[in-house]
């Protein structure tokens, strides 16, 4: 829902990969110190070739969790996570491994 995607329940169930527990802590200028414990749901949703990421309904007021969406090759995202690239939302090695395995399981499909 954070990027404006709505799917029928059966499609959402088919796209589900797993649920992972996650914990992060740090500090922001706006909120100060924080400790975030959550569950992260991983889904792989197939998109048609004509899908336009620019058409997604992102929060325009800047208060939401998602500031932007871009199409990137899975290997580029994995490398960015491994290197700690600040341009990507950080993920654990376990998250990256599970997502990479799920993508590989697609058998080279779009």
Foldseek 3Di string as FASTA:
>chain_A
DQFADDDDPVQQVVFWQDKDWDWDWDQDPVGGTDIDTDIDTGGDHDDDPPDDSVPTDHDPVPPGPDDGDDDDDLVVLLVCQVVVPPVDDHDDPVVSVSVVVVVVVVVPDD
